Amino acid sequence: MTVAVPKPEIVAAFEAAKGFMPAREGLALYSAAVEAGVLGLPLVEVGTYCGRSTVLLADAARAAGVTAVTVDHHRGSEEQQPGWEYHDPETVDPELGVMDTLPAFRRTLHAAGLEDHVIAVVGRSPQVARIWSSPVGFVFIDGGHTDEHATADYEGWAPHVAPGGLLLIHDVFPEPEDEFTGQAPYRVYLRALASDAFTEISATDSLRVLRRTGTGI
């Protein structure tokens, strides 16, 4: 896989955004998105948060002349709720008292000059996937970390990956002590490999990149 590198201003926008993706994984994500962009199909992200990784996908989409689509209900996943390690009080709507990462996401895209290259879908991933009817060149699964949510994201979106397209799974941690943060994505990753529909082409820390080489999920 040819390694594509984002321009310094895109790296700066990525690093300035709220989020949890490390730079090494971000660079691998960007390179995969650039590769998938040659298929001329949308690039889909499941799990937007505040747009840190979306910046990379949007720039790759801009370069390929395609559109990045990012799906999130913007109320935060399990580990981002109050009382948990990854909670950020700045993402709480002061009037409603619940998380709302949509404003931060919009600020991130605006600052990066990438608003015209992204369609933000505000909704729950399985519901959106059920009404999606066209193939995509790329799916990045980075949503909830329970088996219920990770499995629903995979079953909802993996079928839409076109032949030769890429499926990326984030937070793949095979060690049992990572049960809450990475075991569900790890199990989804193992399922994808066992399906014979996807073949792994790279691994960068907790990010796995797979290519559709067969049918089904």
N, C-alpha and C. Protein backbone atom coordinates (compact mmCIF):
# COMPACT_ATOMS: atom_id res chain seq x y z
N MET A 1 0.85 -1.19 0.00
CA MET A 1 0.00 0.00 0.00
C MET A 1 0.88 1.24 0.00
N THR A 2 0.69 2.12 -0.99
CA THR A 2 1.45 3.36 -1.07
C THR A 2 1.08 4.28 0.10
N VAL A 3 2.09 4.86 0.72
CA VAL A 3 1.84 5.71 1.88
C VAL A 3 1.66 7.16 1.42
N ALA A 4 0.49 7.72 1.67
CA ALA A 4 0.22 9.13 1.39
C ALA A 4 0.31 9.91 2.69
N VAL A 5 0.85 11.11 2.61
CA VAL A 5 1.06 11.93 3.81
C VAL A 5 0.29 13.23 3.67
N PRO A 6 -0.49 13.62 4.68
CA PRO A 6 -1.24 14.88 4.60
C PRO A 6 -0.31 16.09 4.68
N LYS A 7 -0.79 17.20 4.15
CA LYS A 7 -0.03 18.44 4.21
C LYS A 7 0.06 18.94 5.66
N PRO A 8 1.07 19.74 5.96
CA PRO A 8 1.26 20.21 7.35
C PRO A 8 0.03 20.89 7.94
N GLU A 9 -0.70 21.67 7.12
CA GLU A 9 -1.87 22.36 7.67
C GLU A 9 -2.99 21.38 8.05
N ILE A 10 -3.07 20.25 7.36
CA ILE A 10 -4.06 19.24 7.71
C ILE A 10 -3.64 18.52 8.98
N VAL A 11 -2.36 18.22 9.09
CA VAL A 11 -1.85 17.61 10.33
C VAL A 11 -2.10 18.54 11.51
N ALA A 12 -1.88 19.83 11.30
CA ALA A 12 -2.11 20.80 12.38
C ALA A 12 -3.57 20.85 12.79
N ALA A 13 -4.48 20.80 11.82
CA ALA A 13 -5.92 20.81 12.13
C ALA A 13 -6.31 19.54 12.87
N PHE A 14 -5.76 18.41 12.46
CA PHE A 14 -6.00 17.14 13.15
C PHE A 14 -5.53 17.22 14.60
N GLU A 15 -4.34 17.71 14.81
CA GLU A 15 -3.78 17.76 16.16
C GLU A 15 -4.50 18.78 17.04
N ALA A 16 -5.08 19.80 16.43
CA ALA A 16 -5.78 20.83 17.22
C ALA A 16 -7.17 20.40 17.65
N ALA A 17 -7.72 19.39 17.00
CA ALA A 17 -9.10 18.97 17.28
C ALA A 17 -9.16 18.07 18.51
N LYS A 18 -10.27 18.16 19.23
CA LYS A 18 -10.51 17.22 20.32
C LYS A 18 -10.62 15.81 19.76
N GLY A 19 -10.11 14.85 20.51
CA GLY A 19 -10.22 13.47 20.05
C GLY A 19 -9.14 12.61 20.66
N PHE A 20 -9.16 11.34 20.29
CA PHE A 20 -8.30 10.38 20.97
C PHE A 20 -7.35 9.63 20.02
N MET A 21 -7.46 9.86 18.72
CA MET A 21 -6.62 9.12 17.78
C MET A 21 -5.19 9.64 17.80
N PRO A 22 -4.22 8.77 18.06
CA PRO A 22 -2.81 9.19 18.02
C PRO A 22 -2.38 9.51 16.60
N ALA A 23 -1.30 10.26 16.49
CA ALA A 23 -0.83 10.72 15.18
C ALA A 23 -0.45 9.56 14.26
N ARG A 24 0.23 8.54 14.79
CA ARG A 24 0.64 7.41 13.95
C ARG A 24 -0.57 6.74 13.30
N GLU A 25 -1.60 6.53 14.08
CA GLU A 25 -2.80 5.91 13.55
C GLU A 25 -3.51 6.85 12.57
N GLY A 26 -3.47 8.14 12.87
CA GLY A 26 -4.08 9.11 11.97
C GLY A 26 -3.42 9.11 10.60
N LEU A 27 -2.11 9.01 10.57
CA LEU A 27 -1.40 8.97 9.30
C LEU A 27 -1.75 7.70 8.52
N ALA A 28 -1.90 6.58 9.22
CA ALA A 28 -2.29 5.34 8.54
C ALA A 28 -3.71 5.44 8.02
N LEU A 29 -4.58 6.09 8.79
CA LEU A 29 -5.96 6.30 8.35
C LEU A 29 -5.99 7.15 7.09
N TYR A 30 -5.24 8.21 7.08
CA TYR A 30 -5.21 9.11 5.92
C TYR A 30 -4.72 8.38 4.67
N SER A 31 -3.65 7.61 4.82
CA SER A 31 -3.10 6.90 3.68
C SER A 31 -4.11 5.92 3.10
N ALA A 32 -4.81 5.21 3.99
CA ALA A 32 -5.84 4.27 3.52
C ALA A 32 -6.98 4.99 2.83
N ALA A 33 -7.37 6.14 3.35
CA ALA A 33 -8.46 6.91 2.74
C ALA A 33 -8.07 7.40 1.35
N VAL A 34 -6.83 7.83 1.19
CA VAL A 34 -6.36 8.27 -0.12
C VAL A 34 -6.39 7.10 -1.10
N GLU A 35 -5.94 5.94 -0.65
CA GLU A 35 -5.96 4.76 -1.52
C GLU A 35 -7.38 4.41 -1.92
N ALA A 36 -8.29 4.39 -0.96
CA ALA A 36 -9.68 4.04 -1.26
C ALA A 36 -10.35 5.07 -2.16
N GLY A 37 -9.90 6.31 -2.08
CA GLY A 37 -10.52 7.37 -2.87
C GLY A 37 -10.46 7.14 -4.36
N VAL A 38 -9.49 6.34 -4.83
CA VAL A 38 -9.38 6.11 -6.27
C VAL A 38 -10.56 5.31 -6.81
N LEU A 39 -11.33 4.68 -5.94
CA LEU A 39 -12.51 3.95 -6.39
C LEU A 39 -13.64 4.89 -6.80
N GLY A 40 -13.52 6.15 -6.41
CA GLY A 40 -14.53 7.13 -6.79
C GLY A 40 -15.83 7.00 -6.01
N LEU A 41 -15.76 6.43 -4.83
CA LEU A 41 -16.94 6.19 -3.99
C LEU A 41 -16.79 6.94 -2.67
N PRO A 42 -17.90 7.13 -1.95
CA PRO A 42 -17.81 7.85 -0.67
C PRO A 42 -16.93 7.14 0.35
N LEU A 43 -16.37 7.95 1.25
CA LEU A 43 -15.60 7.45 2.39
C LEU A 43 -16.46 7.64 3.63
N VAL A 44 -16.74 6.57 4.36
CA VAL A 44 -17.67 6.63 5.49
C VAL A 44 -16.93 6.42 6.81
N GLU A 45 -17.25 7.28 7.77
CA GLU A 45 -16.72 7.17 9.12
C GLU A 45 -17.89 6.94 10.07
N VAL A 46 -17.76 5.95 10.94
CA VAL A 46 -18.77 5.68 11.96
C VAL A 46 -18.16 6.07 13.31
N GLY A 47 -18.64 7.17 13.87
CA GLY A 47 -18.09 7.70 15.11
C GLY A 47 -17.31 8.97 14.83
N THR A 48 -17.99 10.11 14.94
CA THR A 48 -17.40 11.40 14.57
C THR A 48 -16.70 12.07 15.73
N TYR A 49 -17.34 12.05 16.91
CA TYR A 49 -16.93 12.79 18.09
C TYR A 49 -16.77 14.26 17.70
N CYS A 50 -15.58 14.84 17.84
CA CYS A 50 -15.39 16.27 17.54
C CYS A 50 -14.68 16.50 16.22
N GLY A 51 -14.50 15.46 15.41
CA GLY A 51 -14.01 15.64 14.06
C GLY A 51 -12.51 15.50 13.86
N ARG A 52 -11.81 14.99 14.85
CA ARG A 52 -10.35 14.85 14.71
C ARG A 52 -9.98 13.99 13.50
N SER A 53 -10.51 12.79 13.42
CA SER A 53 -10.19 11.93 12.28
C SER A 53 -10.93 12.36 11.02
N THR A 54 -12.07 13.02 11.19
CA THR A 54 -12.83 13.49 10.02
C THR A 54 -12.02 14.46 9.18
N VAL A 55 -11.18 15.25 9.81
CA VAL A 55 -10.31 16.18 9.09
C VAL A 55 -9.47 15.42 8.05
N LEU A 56 -8.93 14.30 8.45
CA LEU A 56 -8.08 13.52 7.55
C LEU A 56 -8.91 12.91 6.41
N LEU A 57 -10.08 12.38 6.76
CA LEU A 57 -10.93 11.77 5.73
C LEU A 57 -11.43 12.83 4.75
N ALA A 58 -11.77 13.99 5.26
CA ALA A 58 -12.28 15.06 4.40
C ALA A 58 -11.21 15.53 3.42
N ASP A 59 -9.97 15.64 3.89
CA ASP A 59 -8.90 16.06 2.99
C ASP A 59 -8.62 14.99 1.93
N ALA A 60 -8.66 13.73 2.33
CA ALA A 60 -8.49 12.64 1.36
C ALA A 60 -9.63 12.64 0.35
N ALA A 61 -10.84 12.90 0.82
CA ALA A 61 -12.00 12.96 -0.08
C ALA A 61 -11.86 14.12 -1.05
N ARG A 62 -11.42 15.25 -0.55
CA ARG A 62 -11.22 16.43 -1.41
C ARG A 62 -10.23 16.11 -2.52
N ALA A 63 -9.13 15.44 -2.18
CA ALA A 63 -8.10 15.11 -3.16
C ALA A 63 -8.62 14.15 -4.23
N ALA A 64 -9.54 13.25 -3.82
CA ALA A 64 -10.06 12.24 -4.75
C ALA A 64 -11.30 12.71 -5.49
N GLY A 65 -11.85 13.85 -5.11
CA GLY A 65 -13.08 14.32 -5.74
C GLY A 65 -14.30 13.53 -5.32
N VAL A 66 -14.26 12.96 -4.10
CA VAL A 66 -15.41 12.23 -3.56
C VAL A 66 -15.87 12.93 -2.29
N THR A 67 -16.80 12.34 -1.59
CA THR A 67 -17.35 12.94 -0.37
C THR A 67 -17.09 12.04 0.83
N ALA A 68 -16.72 12.65 1.93
CA ALA A 68 -16.63 11.93 3.20
C ALA A 68 -17.97 12.04 3.91
N VAL A 69 -18.44 10.94 4.47
CA VAL A 69 -19.70 10.92 5.23
C VAL A 69 -19.36 10.45 6.64
N THR A 70 -19.75 11.21 7.64
CA THR A 70 -19.46 10.82 9.01
C THR A 70 -20.76 10.72 9.80
N VAL A 71 -20.91 9.63 10.53
CA VAL A 71 -22.17 9.28 11.20
C VAL A 71 -21.97 9.25 12.70
N ASP A 72 -22.80 9.98 13.42
CA ASP A 72 -22.71 10.00 14.89
C ASP A 72 -23.99 10.61 15.45
N HIS A 73 -24.44 10.13 16.60
CA HIS A 73 -25.58 10.78 17.27
C HIS A 73 -25.13 11.98 18.10
N HIS A 74 -23.82 12.09 18.31
CA HIS A 74 -23.20 13.23 18.99
C HIS A 74 -23.61 13.36 20.46
N ARG A 75 -24.08 12.26 21.05
CA ARG A 75 -24.36 12.25 22.49
C ARG A 75 -23.29 11.52 23.28
N GLY A 76 -22.24 11.10 22.58
CA GLY A 76 -21.12 10.45 23.27
C GLY A 76 -21.32 8.97 23.44
N SER A 77 -20.22 8.22 23.35
CA SER A 77 -20.29 6.78 23.59
C SER A 77 -20.17 6.51 25.09
N GLU A 78 -20.17 5.24 25.45
CA GLU A 78 -20.26 4.85 26.86
C GLU A 78 -19.14 5.47 27.71
N GLU A 79 -17.92 5.35 27.23
CA GLU A 79 -16.78 5.78 28.04
C GLU A 79 -16.61 7.30 28.08
N GLN A 80 -17.47 8.04 27.35
CA GLN A 80 -17.38 9.50 27.33
C GLN A 80 -18.43 10.17 28.22
N GLN A 81 -19.21 9.36 28.91
CA GLN A 81 -20.25 9.92 29.76
C GLN A 81 -19.67 10.42 31.08
N PRO A 82 -20.39 11.30 31.80
CA PRO A 82 -19.90 11.82 33.07
C PRO A 82 -19.51 10.69 34.02
N GLY A 83 -18.36 10.87 34.67
CA GLY A 83 -17.88 9.88 35.62
C GLY A 83 -16.91 8.88 35.01
N TRP A 84 -16.78 8.90 33.68
CA TRP A 84 -15.87 7.97 33.02
C TRP A 84 -14.59 8.68 32.59
N GLU A 85 -13.56 7.89 32.31
CA GLU A 85 -12.22 8.40 32.06
C GLU A 85 -12.15 9.37 30.90
N TYR A 86 -12.93 9.12 29.84
CA TYR A 86 -12.81 9.92 28.63
C TYR A 86 -13.85 11.04 28.54
N HIS A 87 -14.47 11.36 29.66
CA HIS A 87 -15.48 12.43 29.65
C HIS A 87 -14.81 13.79 29.60
N ASP A 88 -15.34 14.66 28.75
CA ASP A 88 -14.86 16.04 28.64
C ASP A 88 -16.03 16.96 28.95
N PRO A 89 -16.01 17.64 30.10
CA PRO A 89 -17.14 18.52 30.48
C PRO A 89 -17.44 19.59 29.45
N GLU A 90 -16.47 19.97 28.64
CA GLU A 90 -16.71 21.01 27.64
C GLU A 90 -17.66 20.56 26.54
N THR A 91 -17.89 19.26 26.44
CA THR A 91 -18.80 18.75 25.41
C THR A 91 -20.24 18.63 25.91
N VAL A 92 -20.52 19.04 27.12
CA VAL A 92 -21.87 18.96 27.67
C VAL A 92 -22.66 20.22 27.32
N ASP A 93 -23.86 20.04 26.79
CA ASP A 93 -24.75 21.14 26.50
C ASP A 93 -25.21 21.76 27.83
N PRO A 94 -24.91 23.03 28.08
CA PRO A 94 -25.23 23.61 29.39
C PRO A 94 -26.72 23.72 29.66
N GLU A 95 -27.52 23.78 28.61
CA GLU A 95 -28.97 23.90 28.80
C GLU A 95 -29.61 22.54 29.03
N LEU A 96 -29.19 21.53 28.25
CA LEU A 96 -29.81 20.21 28.34
C LEU A 96 -29.13 19.30 29.36
N GLY A 97 -27.86 19.57 29.64
CA GLY A 97 -27.13 18.73 30.59
C GLY A 97 -26.71 17.39 30.02
N VAL A 98 -26.69 17.27 28.71
CA VAL A 98 -26.24 16.04 28.05
C VAL A 98 -25.14 16.39 27.05
N MET A 99 -24.38 15.39 26.66
CA MET A 99 -23.30 15.63 25.72
C MET A 99 -23.84 16.04 24.36
N ASP A 100 -23.13 16.95 23.73
CA ASP A 100 -23.44 17.34 22.36
C ASP A 100 -22.12 17.75 21.70
N THR A 101 -21.53 16.84 20.95
CA THR A 101 -20.24 17.12 20.31
C THR A 101 -20.39 17.73 18.92
N LEU A 102 -21.63 17.91 18.47
CA LEU A 102 -21.84 18.47 17.13
C LEU A 102 -21.26 19.88 16.97
N PRO A 103 -21.45 20.81 17.93
CA PRO A 103 -20.87 22.14 17.75
C PRO A 103 -19.34 22.10 17.63
N ALA A 104 -18.69 21.28 18.44
CA ALA A 104 -17.23 21.19 18.37
C ALA A 104 -16.80 20.61 17.03
N PHE A 105 -17.54 19.62 16.55
CA PHE A 105 -17.25 19.02 15.24
C PHE A 105 -17.34 20.08 14.14
N ARG A 106 -18.39 20.88 14.17
CA ARG A 106 -18.56 21.89 13.13
C ARG A 106 -17.45 22.94 13.19
N ARG A 107 -17.03 23.29 14.39
CA ARG A 107 -15.92 24.24 14.52
C ARG A 107 -14.63 23.64 13.96
N THR A 108 -14.43 22.35 14.20
CA THR A 108 -13.23 21.68 13.69
C THR A 108 -13.17 21.74 12.17
N LEU A 109 -14.28 21.39 11.51
CA LEU A 109 -14.29 21.39 10.05
C LEU A 109 -14.16 22.80 9.49
N HIS A 110 -14.82 23.75 10.13
CA HIS A 110 -14.73 25.14 9.66
C HIS A 110 -13.30 25.64 9.74
N ALA A 111 -12.64 25.37 10.85
CA ALA A 111 -11.26 25.84 11.03
C ALA A 111 -10.32 25.22 10.01
N ALA A 112 -10.63 23.99 9.61
CA ALA A 112 -9.78 23.29 8.64
C ALA A 112 -10.13 23.63 7.20
N GLY A 113 -11.23 24.37 6.98
CA GLY A 113 -11.65 24.71 5.63
C GLY A 113 -12.16 23.53 4.84
N LEU A 114 -12.80 22.57 5.52
CA LEU A 114 -13.19 21.31 4.87
C LEU A 114 -14.69 21.05 4.90
N GLU A 115 -15.48 22.04 5.26
CA GLU A 115 -16.92 21.81 5.39
C GLU A 115 -17.58 21.32 4.11
N ASP A 116 -17.09 21.77 2.96
CA ASP A 116 -17.72 21.42 1.69
C ASP A 116 -17.44 19.99 1.25
N HIS A 117 -16.60 19.29 1.98
CA HIS A 117 -16.19 17.95 1.55
C HIS A 117 -16.72 16.85 2.47
N VAL A 118 -17.61 17.24 3.39
CA VAL A 118 -18.14 16.29 4.38
C VAL A 118 -19.65 16.41 4.47
N ILE A 119 -20.31 15.28 4.51
CA ILE A 119 -21.72 15.23 4.89
C ILE A 119 -21.79 14.64 6.29
N ALA A 120 -22.30 15.42 7.22
CA ALA A 120 -22.44 14.94 8.60
C ALA A 120 -23.85 14.41 8.79
N VAL A 121 -23.95 13.15 9.14
CA VAL A 121 -25.25 12.53 9.40
C VAL A 121 -25.40 12.38 10.91
N VAL A 122 -26.40 13.06 11.47
CA VAL A 122 -26.64 13.00 12.90
C VAL A 122 -27.70 11.94 13.16
N GLY A 123 -27.27 10.83 13.68
CA GLY A 123 -28.19 9.71 13.94
C GLY A 123 -27.41 8.51 14.41
N ARG A 124 -28.13 7.48 14.78
CA ARG A 124 -27.49 6.26 15.26
C ARG A 124 -27.08 5.39 14.09
N SER A 125 -25.87 4.90 14.17
CA SER A 125 -25.26 4.17 13.06
C SER A 125 -26.13 3.08 12.46
N PRO A 126 -26.74 2.17 13.26
CA PRO A 126 -27.54 1.11 12.64
C PRO A 126 -28.74 1.64 11.86
N GLN A 127 -29.36 2.70 12.37
CA GLN A 127 -30.51 3.28 11.67
C GLN A 127 -30.09 3.88 10.35
N VAL A 128 -28.96 4.58 10.34
CA VAL A 128 -28.48 5.17 9.10
C VAL A 128 -28.07 4.09 8.11
N ALA A 129 -27.40 3.06 8.60
CA ALA A 129 -26.94 1.98 7.72
C ALA A 129 -28.11 1.27 7.04
N ARG A 130 -29.23 1.16 7.75
CA ARG A 130 -30.39 0.45 7.19
C ARG A 130 -30.97 1.16 5.97
N ILE A 131 -30.83 2.47 5.92
CA ILE A 131 -31.40 3.20 4.78
C ILE A 131 -30.34 3.55 3.74
N TRP A 132 -29.10 3.17 3.99
CA TRP A 132 -28.03 3.43 3.02
C TRP A 132 -28.13 2.39 1.91
N SER A 133 -28.07 2.80 0.66
CA SER A 133 -28.35 1.86 -0.43
C SER A 133 -27.29 1.82 -1.53
N SER A 134 -26.15 2.48 -1.33
CA SER A 134 -25.14 2.49 -2.38
C SER A 134 -23.79 2.01 -1.83
N PRO A 135 -22.92 1.51 -2.72
CA PRO A 135 -21.61 1.03 -2.27
C PRO A 135 -20.70 2.18 -1.85
N VAL A 136 -19.77 1.88 -0.99
CA VAL A 136 -18.78 2.86 -0.53
C VAL A 136 -17.39 2.25 -0.70
N GLY A 137 -16.41 3.13 -0.81
CA GLY A 137 -15.05 2.64 -1.02
C GLY A 137 -14.29 2.43 0.26
N PHE A 138 -14.88 2.88 1.39
CA PHE A 138 -14.12 2.94 2.63
C PHE A 138 -15.10 3.05 3.79
N VAL A 139 -14.91 2.23 4.81
CA VAL A 139 -15.67 2.35 6.05
C VAL A 139 -14.70 2.31 7.22
N PHE A 140 -14.77 3.31 8.07
CA PHE A 140 -13.93 3.39 9.26
C PHE A 140 -14.84 3.25 10.48
N ILE A 141 -14.72 2.13 11.20
CA ILE A 141 -15.55 1.87 12.37
C ILE A 141 -14.82 2.34 13.62
N ASP A 142 -15.38 3.37 14.26
CA ASP A 142 -14.77 3.95 15.45
C ASP A 142 -15.86 4.48 16.37
N GLY A 143 -16.88 3.65 16.58
CA GLY A 143 -18.02 4.06 17.40
C GLY A 143 -17.95 3.49 18.81
N GLY A 144 -19.09 2.98 19.28
CA GLY A 144 -19.17 2.44 20.64
C GLY A 144 -18.31 1.20 20.82
N HIS A 145 -17.89 0.96 22.07
CA HIS A 145 -16.96 -0.12 22.35
C HIS A 145 -17.59 -1.29 23.10
N THR A 146 -18.91 -1.36 23.10
CA THR A 146 -19.56 -2.56 23.61
C THR A 146 -19.75 -3.53 22.45
N ASP A 147 -19.96 -4.80 22.76
CA ASP A 147 -20.21 -5.77 21.70
C ASP A 147 -21.45 -5.40 20.90
N GLU A 148 -22.47 -4.92 21.59
CA GLU A 148 -23.71 -4.54 20.91
C GLU A 148 -23.45 -3.48 19.85
N HIS A 149 -22.74 -2.42 20.23
CA HIS A 149 -22.54 -1.32 19.30
C HIS A 149 -21.51 -1.64 18.23
N ALA A 150 -20.40 -2.25 18.60
CA ALA A 150 -19.38 -2.58 17.61
C ALA A 150 -19.91 -3.57 16.58
N THR A 151 -20.67 -4.56 17.04
CA THR A 151 -21.25 -5.54 16.13
C THR A 151 -22.28 -4.90 15.20
N ALA A 152 -23.10 -4.01 15.76
CA ALA A 152 -24.11 -3.34 14.94
C ALA A 152 -23.46 -2.45 13.88
N ASP A 153 -22.37 -1.79 14.24
CA ASP A 153 -21.66 -0.96 13.25
C ASP A 153 -21.10 -1.83 12.13
N TYR A 154 -20.51 -2.96 12.50
CA TYR A 154 -19.95 -3.87 11.50
C TYR A 154 -21.04 -4.45 10.61
N GLU A 155 -22.09 -4.99 11.22
CA GLU A 155 -23.15 -5.61 10.43
C GLU A 155 -23.91 -4.60 9.58
N GLY A 156 -23.95 -3.36 10.04
CA GLY A 156 -24.66 -2.33 9.28
C GLY A 156 -23.88 -1.80 8.10
N TRP A 157 -22.55 -1.64 8.28
CA TRP A 157 -21.77 -0.94 7.27
C TRP A 157 -20.85 -1.82 6.42
N ALA A 158 -20.36 -2.91 6.96
CA ALA A 158 -19.46 -3.76 6.18
C ALA A 158 -20.09 -4.24 4.87
N PRO A 159 -21.40 -4.56 4.84
CA PRO A 159 -21.97 -5.01 3.57
C PRO A 159 -21.90 -3.96 2.46
N HIS A 160 -21.74 -2.70 2.81
CA HIS A 160 -21.72 -1.64 1.80
C HIS A 160 -20.33 -1.42 1.19
N VAL A 161 -19.29 -2.07 1.75
CA VAL A 161 -17.94 -1.88 1.22
C VAL A 161 -17.83 -2.56 -0.14
N ALA A 162 -17.46 -1.79 -1.15
CA ALA A 162 -17.38 -2.30 -2.52
C ALA A 162 -16.20 -3.26 -2.67
N PRO A 163 -16.22 -4.12 -3.69
CA PRO A 163 -15.06 -4.98 -3.96
C PRO A 163 -13.80 -4.14 -4.11
N GLY A 164 -12.76 -4.54 -3.41
CA GLY A 164 -11.52 -3.77 -3.42
C GLY A 164 -11.50 -2.62 -2.45
N GLY A 165 -12.65 -2.30 -1.85
CA GLY A 165 -12.73 -1.22 -0.87
C GLY A 165 -12.11 -1.61 0.46
N LEU A 166 -11.98 -0.63 1.34
CA LEU A 166 -11.29 -0.84 2.61
C LEU A 166 -12.24 -0.73 3.80
N LEU A 167 -12.02 -1.61 4.76
CA LEU A 167 -12.71 -1.58 6.05
C LEU A 167 -11.65 -1.36 7.12
N LEU A 168 -11.81 -0.29 7.89
CA LEU A 168 -10.87 0.01 8.97
C LEU A 168 -11.58 -0.11 10.30
N ILE A 169 -10.90 -0.71 11.26
CA ILE A 169 -11.45 -0.89 12.60
C ILE A 169 -10.47 -0.30 13.59
N HIS A 170 -10.96 0.60 14.42
CA HIS A 170 -10.09 1.29 15.39
C HIS A 170 -10.26 0.68 16.78
N ASP A 171 -9.23 0.90 17.60
CA ASP A 171 -9.22 0.44 19.00
C ASP A 171 -9.31 -1.08 19.08
N VAL A 172 -8.49 -1.73 18.30
CA VAL A 172 -8.40 -3.19 18.33
C VAL A 172 -7.30 -3.57 19.33
N PHE A 173 -7.72 -4.04 20.50
CA PHE A 173 -6.79 -4.42 21.55
C PHE A 173 -7.05 -5.88 21.93
N PRO A 174 -6.13 -6.77 21.64
CA PRO A 174 -6.37 -8.19 21.88
C PRO A 174 -6.21 -8.64 23.32
N GLU A 175 -5.66 -7.78 24.19
CA GLU A 175 -5.40 -8.21 25.56
C GLU A 175 -6.66 -8.14 26.42
N PRO A 176 -6.92 -9.17 27.25
CA PRO A 176 -8.15 -9.21 28.06
C PRO A 176 -8.32 -8.02 28.99
N GLU A 177 -7.22 -7.42 29.44
CA GLU A 177 -7.35 -6.28 30.36
C GLU A 177 -7.96 -5.05 29.68
N ASP A 178 -8.03 -5.09 28.36
CA ASP A 178 -8.63 -4.00 27.61
C ASP A 178 -10.08 -4.30 27.24
N GLU A 179 -10.77 -5.04 28.07
CA GLU A 179 -12.12 -5.49 27.76
C GLU A 179 -13.05 -4.33 27.40
N PHE A 180 -12.98 -3.23 28.16
CA PHE A 180 -13.93 -2.15 27.92
C PHE A 180 -13.54 -1.30 26.72
N THR A 181 -12.23 -1.09 26.53
CA THR A 181 -11.82 -0.14 25.49
C THR A 181 -11.53 -0.78 24.15
N GLY A 182 -11.29 -2.08 24.08
CA GLY A 182 -10.88 -2.60 22.79
C GLY A 182 -11.22 -4.04 22.47
N GLN A 183 -11.81 -4.76 23.39
CA GLN A 183 -12.10 -6.16 23.11
C GLN A 183 -13.26 -6.33 22.13
N ALA A 184 -14.26 -5.48 22.20
CA ALA A 184 -15.36 -5.60 21.24
C ALA A 184 -14.89 -5.30 19.82
N PRO A 185 -14.14 -4.21 19.58
CA PRO A 185 -13.58 -4.02 18.24
C PRO A 185 -12.67 -5.17 17.82
N TYR A 186 -11.93 -5.72 18.76
CA TYR A 186 -11.06 -6.87 18.45
C TYR A 186 -11.89 -8.06 17.98
N ARG A 187 -13.01 -8.32 18.64
CA ARG A 187 -13.85 -9.44 18.24
C ARG A 187 -14.47 -9.20 16.86
N VAL A 188 -14.84 -7.96 16.57
CA VAL A 188 -15.35 -7.63 15.25
C VAL A 188 -14.27 -7.83 14.19
N TYR A 189 -13.07 -7.43 14.52
CA TYR A 189 -11.92 -7.62 13.61
C TYR A 189 -11.71 -9.10 13.32
N LEU A 190 -11.75 -9.94 14.35
CA LEU A 190 -11.59 -11.38 14.15
C LEU A 190 -12.71 -11.94 13.29
N ARG A 191 -13.92 -11.44 13.51
CA ARG A 191 -15.05 -11.90 12.70
C ARG A 191 -14.85 -11.54 11.23
N ALA A 192 -14.37 -10.33 10.98
CA ALA A 192 -14.14 -9.90 9.60
C ALA A 192 -13.12 -10.80 8.91
N LEU A 193 -12.05 -11.15 9.62
CA LEU A 193 -11.04 -12.03 9.04
C LEU A 193 -11.60 -13.43 8.80
N ALA A 194 -12.38 -13.92 9.75
CA ALA A 194 -12.93 -15.28 9.63
C ALA A 194 -13.97 -15.38 8.53
N SER A 195 -14.54 -14.26 8.11
CA SER A 195 -15.59 -14.28 7.10
C SER A 195 -15.06 -14.61 5.71
N ASP A 196 -13.75 -14.48 5.51
CA ASP A 196 -13.13 -14.62 4.19
C ASP A 196 -13.57 -13.52 3.21
N ALA A 197 -14.32 -12.55 3.72
CA ALA A 197 -14.71 -11.41 2.88
C ALA A 197 -13.66 -10.32 2.90
N PHE A 198 -12.83 -10.29 3.97
CA PHE A 198 -11.84 -9.24 4.13
C PHE A 198 -10.47 -9.82 4.43
N THR A 199 -9.46 -9.16 3.90
CA THR A 199 -8.08 -9.57 4.11
C THR A 199 -7.31 -8.40 4.71
N GLU A 200 -6.59 -8.64 5.79
CA GLU A 200 -5.84 -7.57 6.43
C GLU A 200 -4.67 -7.14 5.55
N ILE A 201 -4.50 -5.82 5.41
CA ILE A 201 -3.38 -5.34 4.62
C ILE A 201 -2.40 -4.50 5.44
N SER A 202 -2.84 -4.02 6.62
CA SER A 202 -1.89 -3.31 7.47
C SER A 202 -2.44 -3.21 8.89
N ALA A 203 -1.52 -3.01 9.84
CA ALA A 203 -1.88 -2.79 11.24
C ALA A 203 -0.94 -1.73 11.79
N THR A 204 -1.52 -0.67 12.35
CA THR A 204 -0.74 0.39 12.97
C THR A 204 -1.27 0.60 14.37
N ASP A 205 -0.54 0.11 15.35
CA ASP A 205 -0.98 0.17 16.74
C ASP A 205 -2.38 -0.45 16.85
N SER A 206 -3.42 0.32 17.21
CA SER A 206 -4.75 -0.30 17.38
C SER A 206 -5.62 -0.19 16.13
N LEU A 207 -5.07 0.30 15.03
CA LEU A 207 -5.84 0.47 13.79
C LEU A 207 -5.55 -0.68 12.83
N ARG A 208 -6.62 -1.34 12.37
CA ARG A 208 -6.50 -2.42 11.39
C ARG A 208 -7.14 -1.99 10.08
N VAL A 209 -6.44 -2.27 8.98
CA VAL A 209 -6.93 -1.94 7.64
C VAL A 209 -7.14 -3.25 6.88
N LEU A 210 -8.36 -3.48 6.41
CA LEU A 210 -8.70 -4.70 5.69
C LEU A 210 -9.29 -4.32 4.33
N ARG A 211 -9.05 -5.19 3.36
CA ARG A 211 -9.58 -4.97 2.03
C ARG A 211 -10.66 -6.03 1.72
N ARG A 212 -11.74 -5.58 1.07
CA ARG A 212 -12.74 -6.57 0.66
C ARG A 212 -12.19 -7.39 -0.50
N THR A 213 -12.06 -8.68 -0.25
CA THR A 213 -11.54 -9.60 -1.27
C THR A 213 -12.50 -10.74 -1.53
N GLY A 214 -13.66 -10.71 -0.85
CA GLY A 214 -14.66 -11.75 -1.06
C GLY A 214 -16.04 -11.18 -0.81
N THR A 215 -17.03 -12.03 -0.80
CA THR A 215 -18.41 -11.58 -0.59
C THR A 215 -18.85 -11.84 0.84
N GLY A 216 -19.93 -11.18 1.22
CA GLY A 216 -20.51 -11.39 2.55
C GLY A 216 -19.81 -10.58 3.62
N ILE A 217 -20.15 -10.90 4.89
CA ILE A 217 -19.49 -10.29 6.04
C ILE A 217 -19.22 -11.36 7.11
